[in-house]
Protein backbone atom coordinates (compact mmCIF):
# COMPACT_ATOMS: atom_id res chain seq x y z
CA MET A 1 -31.35 -81.61 12.05
CA ARG A 2 -32.41 -80.73 8.56
CA ARG A 3 -35.69 -82.21 7.51
CA HIS A 4 -36.20 -83.90 4.20
CA PRO A 5 -38.85 -82.21 2.04
CA GLY A 6 -42.18 -83.93 2.63
CA ARG A 7 -40.98 -85.49 5.89
CA GLY A 8 -41.70 -84.66 9.50
CA GLU A 9 -39.76 -85.31 12.72
CA ALA A 10 -37.06 -87.98 12.53
CA GLY A 11 -37.49 -88.20 8.79
CA ARG A 12 -40.96 -89.70 8.99
CA GLU A 13 -43.02 -89.19 5.86
CA VAL A 14 -45.94 -86.80 6.14
CA SER A 15 -48.81 -88.47 4.34
CA ARG A 16 -50.79 -86.18 2.09
CA PRO A 17 -53.95 -87.09 0.20
CA PRO A 18 -53.42 -87.36 -3.57
CA ALA A 19 -54.31 -84.26 -5.54
CA ALA A 20 -57.53 -84.31 -7.50
CA SER A 21 -56.87 -84.94 -11.17
CA GLU A 22 -57.39 -81.86 -13.36
CA ARG A 23 -57.09 -84.02 -16.45
CA GLY A 24 -59.68 -86.39 -14.97
CA ALA A 25 -62.05 -83.48 -14.31
CA GLU A 26 -61.70 -82.39 -17.93
CA ILE A 27 -62.55 -85.91 -19.07
CA GLY A 28 -65.55 -85.81 -16.72
CA ARG A 29 -66.62 -82.51 -18.27
CA ARG A 30 -66.49 -84.00 -21.76
CA ILE A 31 -68.49 -87.04 -20.67
CA GLY A 32 -71.00 -84.69 -19.05
CA VAL A 33 -71.34 -82.65 -22.24
CA GLY A 34 -72.33 -85.74 -24.21
CA LEU A 35 -74.72 -87.10 -21.61
CA MET A 36 -76.44 -83.89 -20.58
CA TYR A 37 -76.96 -82.57 -24.11
CA GLY A 38 -77.82 -86.05 -25.38
CA LEU A 39 -80.49 -86.82 -22.78
CA TRP A 40 -81.90 -83.37 -22.00
CA ARG A 41 -82.00 -79.85 -23.43
CA PRO A 42 -79.82 -77.66 -21.21
CA ARG A 43 -80.15 -73.91 -21.61
CA VAL A 44 -77.08 -72.17 -20.20
CA LEU A 45 -77.10 -68.51 -19.23
CA GLY A 46 -74.20 -66.42 -17.94
CA ALA A 47 -71.37 -68.92 -18.51
CA TRP A 48 -69.24 -65.96 -19.63
CA ARG A 49 -69.32 -64.71 -16.04
CA VAL A 50 -67.11 -67.58 -14.85
CA PRO A 51 -63.49 -66.35 -14.52
CA ALA A 52 -61.39 -67.96 -17.26
CA THR A 53 -58.48 -68.72 -14.94
CA GLY A 54 -57.70 -68.86 -11.25
CA PRO A 55 -59.52 -70.48 -8.32
CA VAL A 56 -63.32 -70.39 -8.33
CA ILE A 57 -66.01 -71.91 -6.14
CA PHE A 58 -69.31 -72.89 -7.76
CA ALA A 59 -72.16 -72.66 -5.22
CA VAL A 60 -74.93 -74.80 -6.70
CA ASN A 61 -78.50 -75.25 -5.49
CA HIS A 62 -79.45 -78.91 -5.13
CA SER A 63 -82.89 -80.37 -5.76
CA HIS A 64 -82.07 -83.39 -7.97
CA ASN A 65 -79.28 -85.92 -8.41
CA ILE A 66 -78.50 -84.68 -11.92
CA ASP A 67 -77.72 -81.13 -10.74
CA GLY A 68 -74.02 -81.85 -10.23
CA PRO A 69 -73.50 -83.77 -13.50
CA MET A 70 -75.48 -81.08 -15.32
CA VAL A 71 -73.18 -78.32 -14.05
CA MET A 72 -70.12 -80.45 -14.84
CA GLY A 73 -71.35 -80.89 -18.40
CA VAL A 74 -72.28 -77.28 -19.19
CA ALA A 75 -69.67 -75.32 -17.19
CA PRO A 76 -66.90 -73.68 -19.24
CA ARG A 77 -64.21 -75.15 -16.95
CA PRO A 78 -63.66 -78.63 -15.46
CA THR A 79 -65.14 -78.88 -11.99
CA HIS A 80 -64.24 -80.88 -8.88
CA PHE A 81 -67.38 -81.44 -6.77
CA LEU A 82 -67.44 -82.38 -3.12
CA ILE A 83 -69.73 -85.44 -3.15
CA LYS A 84 -71.02 -87.47 -0.20
CA LYS A 85 -69.03 -90.66 0.35
CA GLU A 86 -72.20 -92.77 0.03
CA ALA A 87 -72.15 -92.10 -3.73
CA PHE A 88 -68.72 -93.75 -4.04
CA THR A 89 -69.96 -97.33 -4.12
CA GLY A 90 -69.10 -100.20 -6.46
CA PRO A 91 -67.83 -99.14 -9.89
CA LEU A 92 -68.81 -95.51 -9.19
CA ASP A 93 -65.96 -95.21 -6.68
CA PRO A 94 -63.04 -95.49 -9.15
CA PHE A 95 -65.04 -93.66 -11.82
CA LEU A 96 -65.83 -90.60 -9.70
CA THR A 97 -62.28 -90.52 -8.32
CA GLY A 98 -60.88 -90.87 -11.82
CA ILE A 99 -62.80 -87.85 -13.08
CA GLY A 100 -61.47 -85.69 -10.25
CA GLN A 101 -64.43 -85.67 -7.88
CA LEU A 102 -63.89 -85.45 -4.11
CA LYS A 103 -65.31 -87.88 -1.56
CA VAL A 104 -66.49 -86.28 1.70
CA ASP A 105 -67.80 -87.77 4.93
CA ARG A 106 -70.63 -85.45 6.00
CA ALA A 107 -70.93 -87.07 9.43
CA SER A 108 -67.55 -85.82 10.64
CA VAL A 109 -64.84 -83.23 10.04
CA ASP A 110 -63.27 -84.88 6.99
CA ARG A 111 -59.77 -83.42 6.98
CA THR A 112 -58.73 -85.39 3.91
CA ALA A 113 -61.60 -83.93 1.90
CA ILE A 114 -60.85 -80.44 3.23
CA THR A 115 -57.18 -80.73 2.28
CA ARG A 116 -57.99 -81.98 -1.21
CA ALA A 117 -60.63 -79.29 -1.77
CA LEU A 118 -58.24 -76.54 -0.70
CA GLY A 119 -55.65 -78.13 -2.97
CA VAL A 120 -57.98 -77.70 -5.94
CA LEU A 121 -58.26 -73.98 -5.19
CA GLU A 122 -54.55 -73.54 -4.46
CA SER A 123 -53.78 -74.98 -7.90
CA GLY A 124 -56.20 -72.54 -9.55
CA GLY A 125 -59.03 -75.02 -10.16
CA VAL A 126 -62.81 -74.95 -9.80
CA LEU A 127 -64.41 -76.43 -6.68
CA GLY A 128 -68.11 -77.30 -6.80
CA ILE A 129 -70.14 -77.20 -3.58
CA PHE A 130 -73.78 -77.77 -2.70
CA PRO A 131 -73.92 -75.27 0.17
CA GLU A 132 -77.22 -76.62 1.51
CA GLY A 133 -75.37 -79.83 2.33
CA THR A 134 -78.00 -82.19 0.96
CA ARG A 135 -80.69 -82.42 -1.69
CA GLY A 136 -83.84 -80.47 -0.81
CA GLU A 137 -85.90 -77.58 -2.12
CA GLY A 138 -82.86 -76.10 -3.82
CA ASP A 139 -83.70 -72.59 -2.63
CA PHE A 140 -80.49 -71.76 -0.69
CA ALA A 141 -82.64 -71.17 2.42
CA ALA A 142 -80.34 -73.01 4.84
CA LEU A 143 -76.60 -73.00 4.26
CA ARG A 144 -73.90 -74.92 6.08
CA ALA A 145 -70.66 -73.20 7.00
CA GLY A 146 -68.49 -75.27 4.65
CA LEU A 147 -68.82 -72.93 1.68
CA ALA A 148 -67.88 -69.90 3.79
CA TYR A 149 -64.88 -71.76 5.22
CA PHE A 150 -63.44 -72.62 1.80
CA ALA A 151 -64.10 -69.14 0.43
CA VAL A 152 -62.60 -67.31 3.41
CA ARG A 153 -59.68 -69.71 3.75
CA SER A 154 -58.74 -69.62 0.05
CA GLY A 155 -59.83 -66.12 -0.97
CA ALA A 156 -61.44 -67.64 -4.08
CA PRO A 157 -64.49 -65.88 -5.55
CA ILE A 158 -67.87 -67.60 -5.41
CA VAL A 159 -69.93 -68.01 -8.58
CA PRO A 160 -73.60 -68.75 -7.77
CA VAL A 161 -75.17 -71.40 -10.01
CA ALA A 162 -78.92 -72.03 -10.23
CA VAL A 163 -80.17 -75.28 -11.78
CA LEU A 164 -83.86 -74.98 -12.62
CA GLY A 165 -86.23 -77.53 -14.12
CA SER A 166 -84.55 -80.75 -13.01
CA THR A 167 -87.53 -81.68 -10.80
CA GLU A 168 -90.29 -80.34 -13.04
CA ARG A 169 -91.13 -83.47 -15.09
CA ARG A 170 -90.36 -87.07 -14.23
CA GLY A 171 -89.25 -89.53 -16.88
CA ARG A 172 -91.68 -92.22 -18.03
CA LEU A 173 -89.21 -95.09 -18.04
CA ILE A 174 -86.93 -93.95 -15.21
CA LYS A 175 -88.98 -91.85 -12.81
CA ALA A 176 -85.89 -90.92 -10.78
CA LEU A 177 -84.65 -88.85 -13.74
CA PRO A 178 -86.15 -85.81 -15.47
CA ALA A 179 -88.17 -86.55 -18.62
CA LEU A 180 -85.95 -87.15 -21.64
CA ARG A 181 -85.38 -84.06 -23.79
CA SER A 182 -86.96 -81.82 -21.15
CA ARG A 183 -85.41 -78.40 -20.68
CA VAL A 184 -83.11 -77.74 -17.74
CA ASP A 185 -81.84 -74.21 -17.16
CA VAL A 186 -78.40 -73.54 -15.67
CA VAL A 187 -77.76 -69.90 -14.76
CA PHE A 188 -74.30 -68.69 -13.70
CA GLY A 189 -74.15 -65.47 -11.68
CA ASP A 190 -71.55 -62.78 -11.10
CA PRO A 191 -68.54 -63.76 -8.95
CA PHE A 192 -68.49 -62.28 -5.45
CA ASP A 193 -66.32 -62.44 -2.34
CA ALA A 194 -67.37 -64.14 0.87
CA ILE A 195 -66.43 -61.11 2.97
CA GLU A 196 -67.46 -57.71 1.70
CA GLY A 197 -64.59 -55.44 0.73
CA VAL A 198 -61.98 -58.22 0.70
CA ARG A 199 -60.59 -59.19 -2.68
CA SER A 200 -57.82 -61.64 -3.47
CA SER A 201 -54.84 -60.67 -5.59
CA ASP A 202 -54.95 -60.58 -9.38
CA THR A 203 -53.00 -63.22 -11.21
CA GLY A 204 -52.33 -60.90 -14.12
CA GLY A 205 -54.02 -63.35 -16.47
CA GLY A 206 -57.61 -62.36 -15.87
CA GLY A 207 -58.01 -64.79 -12.99
CA ARG A 208 -57.37 -64.65 -9.27
CA ARG A 209 -55.18 -66.67 -6.97
CA ALA A 210 -56.12 -68.02 -3.59
CA GLY A 211 -54.98 -65.56 -1.00
CA GLY A 212 -57.31 -65.91 1.98
CA THR A 213 -58.22 -63.21 4.45
CA GLY A 214 -56.82 -64.67 7.65
CA ARG A 215 -60.22 -64.17 9.32
CA ARG A 216 -61.45 -67.67 10.16
CA THR A 217 -63.08 -67.01 13.53
CA ARG A 218 -66.61 -68.26 14.15
CA GLY A 219 -67.89 -64.69 13.90
CA ALA A 220 -66.18 -64.13 10.56
CA LEU A 221 -67.56 -67.39 9.17
CA ASP A 222 -71.07 -66.56 10.39
CA GLU A 223 -70.79 -63.13 8.77
CA ALA A 224 -69.57 -64.68 5.54
CA THR A 225 -72.30 -67.34 5.56
CA GLU A 226 -75.03 -64.72 5.90
CA ARG A 227 -73.55 -62.60 3.12
CA ILE A 228 -73.31 -65.68 0.91
CA ARG A 229 -76.91 -66.69 1.68
CA LYS A 230 -78.22 -63.29 0.62
CA GLN A 231 -76.16 -63.29 -2.59
CA LEU A 232 -77.28 -66.81 -3.53
CA ALA A 233 -80.94 -66.10 -2.77
CA ALA A 234 -80.81 -62.95 -4.91
CA HIS A 235 -79.21 -64.90 -7.76
CA LEU A 236 -81.86 -67.64 -7.57
CA GLU A 237 -84.63 -65.05 -7.71
CA ASN A 238 -83.01 -63.38 -10.71
CA ALA A 239 -82.46 -66.77 -12.41
CA ARG A 240 -86.14 -67.65 -12.04
CA ARG A 241 -87.10 -64.32 -13.53
CA LEU A 242 -84.70 -64.70 -16.47
CA THR A 243 -85.90 -68.21 -17.27
CA GLY A 244 -89.59 -67.57 -16.68
CA ARG A 245 -89.72 -69.99 -13.78
CA GLN A 246 -90.85 -67.56 -11.07
CA GLU A 247 -93.64 -69.85 -9.90
CA THR A 248 -91.58 -73.04 -10.05
CA LEU A 249 -90.39 -74.43 -6.74
CA GLU A 250 -87.28 -76.42 -7.49
């Protein structure tokens, strides 16, 4: 029996999560530009290192709630962040979904979130990940395996992103936010591959397409995670040196 496209056995429909909106992510980027530059003084270094086309994974350190919105606002391309489901409450739920952000349940293997995230990369988009899994010191000291999985599975290059200064000064009126007009540095690093010596195919347009390596064993993911950790730690150290924040613990 011939199956209908998009259907499984006996013609049953195979449900697939809706694709993240690229147009929505671009709208989110424009909103972020206005808010981030209006409220604070972002200084962006290395944005030219972000590939102009093709799939990319932003690996962002995470020490403050504004780190994600800050990267969305200053990045040269619209970004789809994996965000904990707890943030999708009330009016924020349709808003975050509308601007192309991805809800993820951190307490379980969220296959819907995984499928949607891989879909972003398969369509040549930018996926944003906080590889530490939760807000903390923002020093990339402890990484979860999720970043390595997406990078190895898709073959997309990783661009390390260091956000520095978001925890340095608290606001007077809203202490949960950085002081208004304070400087926040965002430093983009050179793209690199999760597994050394493995590069995905060129698209011919200056970007790269998701190709994957086929190596998704636990050993391969552990190897990739350690390589990623070293690359991110080196980028953070370099970012602190470039911005003069060597003594600042984010």
